[in-house]
Amino acid sequence: MENKELYSTTNFQIAGWLMLNDIPLLDIKWKRRRCEFIFQDFDTREELIAEFFKEEKLQKWISTTQELKARMYADQPPIEFDRD
């Protein structure tokens, strides 16, 4: 990203983790079919994101919800919206 004072991610779970840790979400931008979550950058960002990947219970929750969504949509896929 060009502006070093901002941090952006398209990872929904990381965006949620940052918000859970009181990092304010500044904006959401759609890029094709993906959201870009934009935060004010901060000194301990790398450590906080590394902590996200170390949280075993959280990682298991993410895997479980992804599996649940896959099963939900296997029989009845959602209607696609084009937001380009």
N, C-alpha and C. Protein backbone atom coordinates (compact mmCIF):
# COMPACT_ATOMS: atom_id res chain seq x y z
N MET A 1 0.84 -1.18 0.00
CA MET A 1 0.00 0.00 0.00
C MET A 1 0.89 1.25 0.00
N GLU A 2 0.48 2.27 -0.69
CA GLU A 2 1.33 3.45 -0.86
C GLU A 2 1.44 4.30 0.41
N ASN A 3 0.34 4.54 1.10
CA ASN A 3 0.35 5.38 2.29
C ASN A 3 0.79 4.55 3.49
N LYS A 4 1.96 4.83 4.04
CA LYS A 4 2.49 4.04 5.14
C LYS A 4 1.78 4.31 6.46
N GLU A 5 0.94 5.31 6.51
CA GLU A 5 0.19 5.60 7.72
C GLU A 5 -1.09 4.78 7.82
N LEU A 6 -1.41 4.06 6.73
CA LEU A 6 -2.60 3.22 6.72
C LEU A 6 -2.18 1.76 6.53
N TYR A 7 -3.04 0.87 7.01
CA TYR A 7 -2.85 -0.56 6.80
C TYR A 7 -4.15 -1.10 6.22
N SER A 8 -4.05 -1.89 5.17
CA SER A 8 -5.26 -2.48 4.61
C SER A 8 -5.08 -3.98 4.47
N THR A 9 -6.21 -4.68 4.56
CA THR A 9 -6.22 -6.12 4.39
C THR A 9 -7.53 -6.52 3.73
N THR A 10 -7.50 -7.59 2.97
CA THR A 10 -8.73 -8.15 2.42
C THR A 10 -9.15 -9.37 3.24
N ASN A 11 -8.40 -9.67 4.28
CA ASN A 11 -8.70 -10.82 5.13
C ASN A 11 -9.75 -10.43 6.17
N PHE A 12 -10.94 -10.99 6.03
CA PHE A 12 -12.07 -10.67 6.90
C PHE A 12 -11.74 -10.99 8.37
N GLN A 13 -11.12 -12.14 8.61
CA GLN A 13 -10.82 -12.54 9.98
C GLN A 13 -9.78 -11.63 10.64
N ILE A 14 -8.76 -11.24 9.90
CA ILE A 14 -7.76 -10.33 10.46
C ILE A 14 -8.39 -8.97 10.74
N ALA A 15 -9.25 -8.51 9.85
CA ALA A 15 -9.94 -7.24 10.08
C ALA A 15 -10.76 -7.32 11.38
N GLY A 16 -11.46 -8.42 11.56
CA GLY A 16 -12.23 -8.61 12.79
C GLY A 16 -11.35 -8.67 14.01
N TRP A 17 -10.20 -9.32 13.90
CA TRP A 17 -9.23 -9.41 15.01
C TRP A 17 -8.72 -8.03 15.40
N LEU A 18 -8.41 -7.22 14.40
CA LEU A 18 -7.93 -5.87 14.69
C LEU A 18 -9.01 -5.06 15.41
N MET A 19 -10.25 -5.17 14.93
CA MET A 19 -11.35 -4.45 15.57
C MET A 19 -11.58 -4.96 16.99
N LEU A 20 -11.47 -6.29 17.18
CA LEU A 20 -11.62 -6.88 18.51
C LEU A 20 -10.58 -6.33 19.47
N ASN A 21 -9.43 -5.96 18.93
CA ASN A 21 -8.34 -5.41 19.74
C ASN A 21 -8.32 -3.89 19.70
N ASP A 22 -9.48 -3.29 19.48
CA ASP A 22 -9.68 -1.84 19.57
C ASP A 22 -8.92 -1.02 18.54
N ILE A 23 -8.63 -1.62 17.37
CA ILE A 23 -8.04 -0.85 16.28
C ILE A 23 -9.22 -0.36 15.43
N PRO A 24 -9.43 0.95 15.32
CA PRO A 24 -10.60 1.45 14.60
C PRO A 24 -10.53 1.19 13.09
N LEU A 25 -11.63 0.72 12.56
CA LEU A 25 -11.78 0.54 11.12
C LEU A 25 -12.10 1.91 10.52
N LEU A 26 -11.28 2.35 9.57
CA LEU A 26 -11.47 3.67 8.97
C LEU A 26 -12.39 3.64 7.76
N ASP A 27 -12.28 2.55 6.99
CA ASP A 27 -13.05 2.52 5.74
C ASP A 27 -13.10 1.09 5.22
N ILE A 28 -14.07 0.83 4.36
CA ILE A 28 -14.18 -0.42 3.62
C ILE A 28 -14.34 -0.03 2.16
N LYS A 29 -13.50 -0.60 1.31
CA LYS A 29 -13.58 -0.32 -0.12
C LYS A 29 -13.75 -1.63 -0.86
N TRP A 30 -14.67 -1.63 -1.81
CA TRP A 30 -14.87 -2.81 -2.65
C TRP A 30 -13.91 -2.76 -3.82
N LYS A 31 -13.21 -3.86 -4.05
CA LYS A 31 -12.34 -4.01 -5.22
C LYS A 31 -12.75 -5.30 -5.89
N ARG A 32 -13.45 -5.14 -6.98
CA ARG A 32 -14.07 -6.26 -7.68
C ARG A 32 -15.00 -6.98 -6.72
N ARG A 33 -14.74 -8.21 -6.38
CA ARG A 33 -15.63 -8.95 -5.48
C ARG A 33 -15.05 -9.09 -4.08
N ARG A 34 -14.07 -8.30 -3.75
CA ARG A 34 -13.44 -8.38 -2.43
C ARG A 34 -13.52 -7.04 -1.72
N CYS A 35 -13.59 -7.12 -0.42
CA CYS A 35 -13.56 -5.91 0.40
C CYS A 35 -12.13 -5.66 0.86
N GLU A 36 -11.76 -4.42 0.90
CA GLU A 36 -10.48 -4.01 1.47
C GLU A 36 -10.82 -3.24 2.74
N PHE A 37 -10.33 -3.73 3.86
CA PHE A 37 -10.57 -3.10 5.16
C PHE A 37 -9.38 -2.21 5.48
N ILE A 38 -9.64 -0.96 5.78
CA ILE A 38 -8.56 0.02 5.96
C ILE A 38 -8.53 0.50 7.41
N PHE A 39 -7.35 0.44 7.99
CA PHE A 39 -7.11 0.83 9.37
C PHE A 39 -5.99 1.86 9.42
N GLN A 40 -5.98 2.64 10.48
CA GLN A 40 -4.81 3.47 10.76
C GLN A 40 -3.69 2.52 11.16
N ASP A 41 -2.53 2.66 10.57
CA ASP A 41 -1.42 1.77 10.93
C ASP A 41 -0.94 2.10 12.34
N PHE A 42 -0.31 1.14 12.99
CA PHE A 42 0.17 1.33 14.35
C PHE A 42 1.44 0.52 14.55
N ASP A 43 2.25 0.92 15.53
CA ASP A 43 3.59 0.35 15.74
C ASP A 43 3.60 -1.15 15.98
N THR A 44 2.62 -1.67 16.69
CA THR A 44 2.64 -3.09 17.07
C THR A 44 1.77 -3.97 16.17
N ARG A 45 1.47 -3.47 14.97
CA ARG A 45 0.60 -4.22 14.05
C ARG A 45 1.13 -5.62 13.76
N GLU A 46 2.39 -5.74 13.41
CA GLU A 46 2.96 -7.04 13.05
C GLU A 46 2.85 -8.03 14.21
N GLU A 47 3.11 -7.57 15.42
CA GLU A 47 3.01 -8.44 16.59
C GLU A 47 1.57 -8.86 16.84
N LEU A 48 0.63 -7.93 16.69
CA LEU A 48 -0.78 -8.24 16.92
C LEU A 48 -1.29 -9.26 15.89
N ILE A 49 -0.88 -9.10 14.64
CA ILE A 49 -1.30 -10.05 13.61
C ILE A 49 -0.63 -11.41 13.84
N ALA A 50 0.61 -11.42 14.27
CA ALA A 50 1.28 -12.69 14.59
C ALA A 50 0.55 -13.40 15.72
N GLU A 51 0.06 -12.64 16.68
CA GLU A 51 -0.71 -13.20 17.80
C GLU A 51 -2.00 -13.85 17.29
N PHE A 52 -2.62 -13.23 16.29
CA PHE A 52 -3.83 -13.79 15.67
C PHE A 52 -3.58 -15.21 15.18
N PHE A 53 -2.45 -15.43 14.50
CA PHE A 53 -2.15 -16.75 13.94
C PHE A 53 -1.74 -17.76 15.01
N LYS A 54 -1.34 -17.30 16.19
CA LYS A 54 -0.95 -18.19 17.28
C LYS A 54 -2.14 -18.65 18.13
N GLU A 55 -3.24 -17.95 18.04
CA GLU A 55 -4.43 -18.27 18.84
C GLU A 55 -5.09 -19.53 18.28
N GLU A 56 -4.79 -20.68 18.89
CA GLU A 56 -5.29 -21.95 18.36
C GLU A 56 -6.81 -22.03 18.35
N LYS A 57 -7.44 -21.60 19.42
CA LYS A 57 -8.90 -21.66 19.50
C LYS A 57 -9.53 -20.79 18.41
N LEU A 58 -8.97 -19.63 18.18
CA LEU A 58 -9.47 -18.73 17.14
C LEU A 58 -9.30 -19.36 15.75
N GLN A 59 -8.15 -19.96 15.50
CA GLN A 59 -7.92 -20.59 14.20
C GLN A 59 -8.88 -21.76 13.98
N LYS A 60 -9.16 -22.51 15.04
CA LYS A 60 -10.12 -23.61 14.93
C LYS A 60 -11.52 -23.06 14.66
N TRP A 61 -11.88 -21.96 15.31
CA TRP A 61 -13.18 -21.32 15.07
C TRP A 61 -13.31 -20.92 13.60
N ILE A 62 -12.28 -20.32 13.05
CA ILE A 62 -12.29 -19.89 11.64
C ILE A 62 -12.49 -21.09 10.73
N SER A 63 -11.73 -22.16 10.96
CA SER A 63 -11.86 -23.37 10.13
C SER A 63 -13.26 -23.96 10.23
N THR A 64 -13.80 -23.98 11.44
CA THR A 64 -15.13 -24.54 11.66
C THR A 64 -16.20 -23.72 10.95
N THR A 65 -16.11 -22.39 11.04
CA THR A 65 -17.12 -21.56 10.38
C THR A 65 -17.00 -21.66 8.86
N GLN A 66 -15.78 -21.80 8.35
CA GLN A 66 -15.61 -21.97 6.91
C GLN A 66 -16.22 -23.28 6.44
N GLU A 67 -16.02 -24.34 7.21
CA GLU A 67 -16.61 -25.63 6.87
C GLU A 67 -18.14 -25.55 6.92
N LEU A 68 -18.65 -24.89 7.93
CA LEU A 68 -20.09 -24.74 8.08
C LEU A 68 -20.69 -23.97 6.89
N LYS A 69 -20.02 -22.90 6.48
CA LYS A 69 -20.49 -22.12 5.33
C LYS A 69 -20.45 -22.97 4.05
N ALA A 70 -19.38 -23.73 3.88
CA ALA A 70 -19.27 -24.59 2.69
C ALA A 70 -20.42 -25.58 2.64
N ARG A 71 -20.76 -26.16 3.78
CA ARG A 71 -21.88 -27.10 3.82
C ARG A 71 -23.21 -26.39 3.57
N MET A 72 -23.37 -25.21 4.13
CA MET A 72 -24.60 -24.44 3.95
C MET A 72 -24.86 -24.13 2.48
N TYR A 73 -23.82 -23.68 1.79
CA TYR A 73 -23.96 -23.23 0.42
C TYR A 73 -23.81 -24.35 -0.61
N ALA A 74 -23.43 -25.55 -0.19
CA ALA A 74 -23.25 -26.66 -1.12
C ALA A 74 -24.57 -27.00 -1.80
N ASP A 75 -25.67 -26.99 -1.05
CA ASP A 75 -26.98 -27.35 -1.59
C ASP A 75 -27.72 -26.16 -2.17
N GLN A 76 -27.48 -24.98 -1.64
CA GLN A 76 -28.23 -23.80 -2.06
C GLN A 76 -27.30 -22.58 -2.11
N PRO A 77 -26.56 -22.42 -3.22
CA PRO A 77 -25.63 -21.28 -3.31
C PRO A 77 -26.36 -19.94 -3.26
N PRO A 78 -25.71 -18.93 -2.70
CA PRO A 78 -26.33 -17.60 -2.64
C PRO A 78 -26.38 -16.95 -4.02
N ILE A 79 -27.24 -15.97 -4.15
CA ILE A 79 -27.31 -15.19 -5.39
C ILE A 79 -26.05 -14.32 -5.48
N GLU A 80 -25.40 -14.31 -6.62
CA GLU A 80 -24.18 -13.51 -6.80
C GLU A 80 -24.52 -12.06 -7.10
N PHE A 81 -23.81 -11.17 -6.50
CA PHE A 81 -23.95 -9.75 -6.78
C PHE A 81 -22.64 -9.25 -7.37
N ASP A 82 -22.72 -8.50 -8.43
CA ASP A 82 -21.54 -7.93 -9.05
C ASP A 82 -21.38 -6.51 -8.57
N ARG A 83 -20.30 -6.21 -7.84
CA ARG A 83 -20.11 -4.89 -7.27
C ARG A 83 -18.92 -4.16 -7.89
N ASP A 84 -18.61 -4.46 -9.12
CA ASP A 84 -17.47 -3.79 -9.77
C ASP A 84 -17.72 -2.32 -9.93
